C-alpha atoms as a PDB file:
ATOM      1  CA  MET A   1       0.000   0.000   0.000  1.00  0.00           C
ATOM      2  CA  VAL A   2       1.115   3.535  -0.674  1.00  0.00           C
ATOM      3  CA  ALA A   3      -0.238   6.244   1.560  1.00  0.00           C
ATOM      4  CA  VAL A   4      -1.234   9.531  -0.014  1.00  0.00           C
ATOM      5  CA  ALA A   5      -0.892  11.170   3.391  1.00  0.00           C
ATOM      6  CA  ALA A   6       2.863  11.138   2.841  1.00  0.00           C
ATOM      7  CA  LEU A   7       2.352  13.894   0.271  1.00  0.00           C
ATOM      8  CA  GLY A   8       1.570  16.725   2.639  1.00  0.00           C
ATOM      9  CA  GLY A   9       3.248  20.110   2.538  1.00  0.00           C
ATOM     10  CA  CYS A  10       3.865  23.087   0.329  1.00  0.00           C
ATOM     11  CA  GLY A  11       3.786  23.154  -3.457  1.00  0.00           C
ATOM     12  CA  ALA A  12       6.824  22.749  -5.670  1.00  0.00           C
ATOM     13  CA  SER A  13       8.581  24.840  -8.285  1.00  0.00           C
ATOM     14  CA  GLU A  14       7.740  24.395 -11.958  1.00  0.00           C
ATOM     15  CA  ALA A  15      11.169  22.801 -12.544  1.00  0.00           C
ATOM     16  CA  ARG A  16      10.454  20.109  -9.937  1.00  0.00           C
ATOM     17  CA  LEU A  17       6.980  19.504 -11.357  1.00  0.00           C
ATOM     18  CA  ASP A  18       8.461  19.188 -14.855  1.00  0.00           C
ATOM     19  CA  GLY A  19      11.127  16.768 -13.620  1.00  0.00           C
ATOM     20  CA  ALA A  20       8.523  14.485 -12.067  1.00  0.00           C
ATOM     21  CA  ARG A  21       6.331  14.680 -15.199  1.00  0.00           C
ATOM     22  CA  GLN A  22       9.278  13.871 -17.466  1.00  0.00           C
ATOM     23  CA  ALA A  23      10.189  10.826 -15.365  1.00  0.00           C
ATOM     24  CA  ALA A  24       6.592   9.577 -15.392  1.00  0.00           C
ATOM     25  CA  THR A  25       6.304  10.130 -19.142  1.00  0.00           C
ATOM     26  CA  ALA A  26       9.591   8.288 -19.763  1.00  0.00           C
ATOM     27  CA  PHE A  27       8.342   5.360 -17.676  1.00  0.00           C
ATOM     28  CA  GLU A  28       5.037   5.205 -19.549  1.00  0.00           C
ATOM     29  CA  GLU A  29       6.839   5.406 -22.903  1.00  0.00           C
ATOM     30  CA  THR A  30       9.036   2.422 -22.011  1.00  0.00           C
ATOM     31  CA  LEU A  31       5.934   0.445 -21.068  1.00  0.00           C
ATOM     32  CA  ALA A  32       4.263   1.383 -24.363  1.00  0.00           C
ATOM     33  CA  ARG A  33       7.318   0.037 -26.233  1.00  0.00           C
ATOM     34  CA  ALA A  34       7.342  -3.076 -24.011  1.00  0.00           C
ATOM     35  CA  ASP A  35      10.947  -2.158 -23.141  1.00  0.00           C
ATOM     36  CA  TYR A  36      10.766  -3.525 -19.625  1.00  0.00           C
ATOM     37  CA  VAL A  37      14.524  -3.467 -19.046  1.00  0.00           C
ATOM     38  CA  ALA A  38      14.524   0.292 -19.703  1.00  0.00           C
ATOM     39  CA  ALA A  39      11.436   0.676 -17.489  1.00  0.00           C
ATOM     40  CA  CYS A  40      13.281  -1.101 -14.670  1.00  0.00           C
ATOM     41  CA  ALA A  41      16.045   1.486 -14.883  1.00  0.00           C
ATOM     42  CA  LEU A  42      13.399   4.114 -14.063  1.00  0.00           C
ATOM     43  CA  LEU A  43      12.242   2.330 -10.898  1.00  0.00           C
ATOM     44  CA  ALA A  44      13.507   3.284  -7.465  1.00  0.00           C
ATOM     45  CA  PRO A  45      16.134   0.804  -6.233  1.00  0.00           C
ATOM     46  CA  GLN A  46      13.936  -0.615  -3.450  1.00  0.00           C
ATOM     47  CA  THR A  47      10.994  -0.996  -5.844  1.00  0.00           C
ATOM     48  CA  ARG A  48      13.177  -2.889  -8.317  1.00  0.00           C
ATOM     49  CA  ARG A  49      14.500  -5.177  -5.539  1.00  0.00           C
ATOM     50  CA  GLN A  50      11.004  -5.821  -4.182  1.00  0.00           C
ATOM     51  CA  LEU A  51       9.658  -6.679  -7.641  1.00  0.00           C
ATOM     52  CA  GLU A  52      12.498  -9.151  -8.251  1.00  0.00           C
ATOM     53  CA  GLN A  53      12.147 -10.664  -4.792  1.00  0.00           C
ATOM     54  CA  ASP A  54       8.365 -11.096  -5.056  1.00  0.00           C
ATOM     55  CA  SER A  55       8.545 -12.731  -8.489  1.00  0.00           C
ATOM     56  CA  ASP A  56      11.895 -14.537  -8.194  1.00  0.00           C
ATOM     57  CA  LYS A  57      12.691 -13.218 -11.684  1.00  0.00           C
ATOM     58  CA  PRO A  58      14.899 -10.467 -13.131  1.00  0.00           C
ATOM     59  CA  CYS A  59      13.222  -7.064 -13.110  1.00  0.00           C
ATOM     60  CA  GLY A  60      12.413  -6.927 -16.837  1.00  0.00           C
ATOM     61  CA  SER A  61      10.597 -10.268 -16.826  1.00  0.00           C
ATOM     62  CA  ALA A  62       8.850  -9.504 -13.550  1.00  0.00           C
ATOM     63  CA  LEU A  63       7.666  -6.108 -14.794  1.00  0.00           C
ATOM     64  CA  ALA A  64       6.352  -7.622 -18.035  1.00  0.00           C
ATOM     65  CA  ASP A  65       4.339 -10.126 -15.974  1.00  0.00           C
ATOM     66  CA  GLU A  66       2.647  -7.270 -14.086  1.00  0.00           C
ATOM     67  CA  ARG A  67       0.918  -6.070 -17.269  1.00  0.00           C
ATOM     68  CA  LEU A  68       0.832  -2.488 -16.044  1.00  0.00           C
ATOM     69  CA  PRO A  69      -1.552  -0.178 -17.869  1.00  0.00           C
ATOM     70  CA  VAL A  70      -0.026   2.043 -20.516  1.00  0.00           C
ATOM     71  CA  ALA A  71      -1.552   5.290 -19.402  1.00  0.00           C
ATOM     72  CA  ASP A  72      -2.406   8.458 -21.249  1.00  0.00           C
ATOM     73  CA  PRO A  73      -0.529  11.692 -20.541  1.00  0.00           C
ATOM     74  CA  VAL A  74      -0.191  13.037 -17.021  1.00  0.00           C
ATOM     75  CA  ARG A  75      -3.345  14.814 -15.862  1.00  0.00           C
ATOM     76  CA  THR A  76      -2.250  16.088 -12.456  1.00  0.00           C
ATOM     77  CA  THR A  77       1.075  16.342 -10.656  1.00  0.00           C
ATOM     78  CA  GLN A  78       1.584  16.928  -6.952  1.00  0.00           C
ATOM     79  CA  VAL A  79       5.127  17.355  -5.646  1.00  0.00           C
ATOM     80  CA  TYR A  80       5.900  17.812  -1.983  1.00  0.00           C
ATOM     81  CA  GLY A  81       9.483  17.619  -0.839  1.00  0.00           C
ATOM     82  CA  ARG A  82      11.099  14.637  -2.526  1.00  0.00           C
ATOM     83  CA  GLN A  83       7.809  12.818  -3.195  1.00  0.00           C
ATOM     84  CA  ALA A  84       5.353  13.074  -6.081  1.00  0.00           C
ATOM     85  CA  LEU A  85       1.965  11.689  -7.050  1.00  0.00           C
ATOM     86  CA  LEU A  86       1.103  11.790 -10.734  1.00  0.00           C
ATOM     87  CA  ARG A  87      -2.383  10.902 -11.885  1.00  0.00           C
ATOM     88  CA  LEU A  88      -2.758   9.705 -15.442  1.00  0.00           C
ATOM     89  CA  GLU A  89      -5.812   8.465 -17.291  1.00  0.00           C
ATOM     90  CA  GLY A  90      -5.983   4.856 -16.129  1.00  0.00           C
ATOM     91  CA  ASP A  91      -3.066   4.847 -13.667  1.00  0.00           C
ATOM     92  CA  ALA A  92      -1.338   6.699 -10.877  1.00  0.00           C
ATOM     93  CA  LEU A  93       2.391   6.751 -10.184  1.00  0.00           C
ATOM     94  CA  PHE A  94       4.283   7.612  -7.028  1.00  0.00           C
ATOM     95  CA  LEU A  95       7.810   8.941  -7.505  1.00  0.00           C
ATOM     96  CA  SER A  96      10.693   9.928  -5.252  1.00  0.00           C
ATOM     97  CA  GLN A  97      13.563  12.225  -6.083  1.00  0.00           C
ATOM     98  CA  PHE A  98      17.020  10.660  -5.831  1.00  0.00           C
ATOM     99  CA  ASP A  99      20.442  12.189  -6.468  1.00  0.00           C
ATOM    100  CA  ASP A 100      20.218  11.009 -10.095  1.00  0.00           C
ATOM    101  CA  GLY A 101      16.646  12.228 -10.650  1.00  0.00           C
ATOM    102  CA  TRP A 102      13.052  11.137 -10.158  1.00  0.00           C
ATOM    103  CA  LYS A 103      12.355   7.386  -9.915  1.00  0.00           C
ATOM    104  CA  VAL A 104       9.079   5.460  -9.865  1.00  0.00           C
ATOM    105  CA  VAL A 105       8.381   4.095  -6.392  1.00  0.00           C
ATOM    106  CA  ALA A 106       4.949   2.624  -7.177  1.00  0.00           C
ATOM    107  CA  ALA A 107       3.015   2.017 -10.393  1.00  0.00           C
ATOM    108  CA  GLY A 108      -0.262   0.505 -11.447  1.00  0.00           C
ATOM    109  CA  CYS A 109      -1.927   2.349  -8.559  1.00  0.00           C
ATOM    110  CA  GLN A 110      -5.655   2.699  -8.124  1.00  0.00           C
ATOM    111  CA  PRO A 111      -7.405   4.723  -5.419  1.00  0.00           C
ATOM    112  CA  GLU A 112      -9.707   3.061  -2.915  1.00  0.00           C
ATOM    113  CA  ALA A 113     -12.273   5.181  -1.109  1.00  0.00           C
ATOM    114  CA  GLY A 114     -11.024   6.050   2.362  1.00  0.00           C
ATOM    115  CA  LYS A 115      -7.919   3.863   1.982  1.00  0.00           C
ATOM    116  CA  PRO A 116      -4.410   4.179   0.581  1.00  0.00           C
ATOM    117  CA  TYR A 117      -3.832   3.496  -3.099  1.00  0.00           C
ATOM    118  CA  GLN A 118      -3.445  -0.149  -4.087  1.00  0.00           C
ATOM    119  CA  CYS A 119      -0.404  -0.545  -6.350  1.00  0.00           C
ATOM    120  CA  ALA A 120       0.634  -3.486  -8.521  1.00  0.00           C
ATOM    121  CA  VAL A 121       4.331  -2.547  -8.283  1.00  0.00           C
ATOM    122  CA  LYS A 122       5.778  -0.953  -5.157  1.00  0.00           C
ATOM    123  CA  GLY A 123       8.822  -0.889  -2.942  1.00  0.00           C
ATOM    124  CA  GLY A 124       8.808  -2.687   0.392  1.00  0.00           C
END
């Protein structure tokens, strides 16, 4: 589960919003091309490890098995501190900012009324 409550705080600069959007778009583009190895490179390290551990497969194969939705462009972006929630048509992504840029922490996320998002791929 990924808690939206972790995204509290003040808004972010346009550069930070753009960085999160670009990372989300790059991730979605790799999924659309079925380039799961490239998509794995865009996952946060703990998310990649958790995916491999849960499936007992290399990241690319494990990610392909998840059959994540290939979502339409980003509709909304919320960035607070080093965390971001991006809502797309048909999916939601959670990202964190690392020294080398924004990485996907959770994908294939759907909201549940009164509960945290349920995500197909997430870090432990």
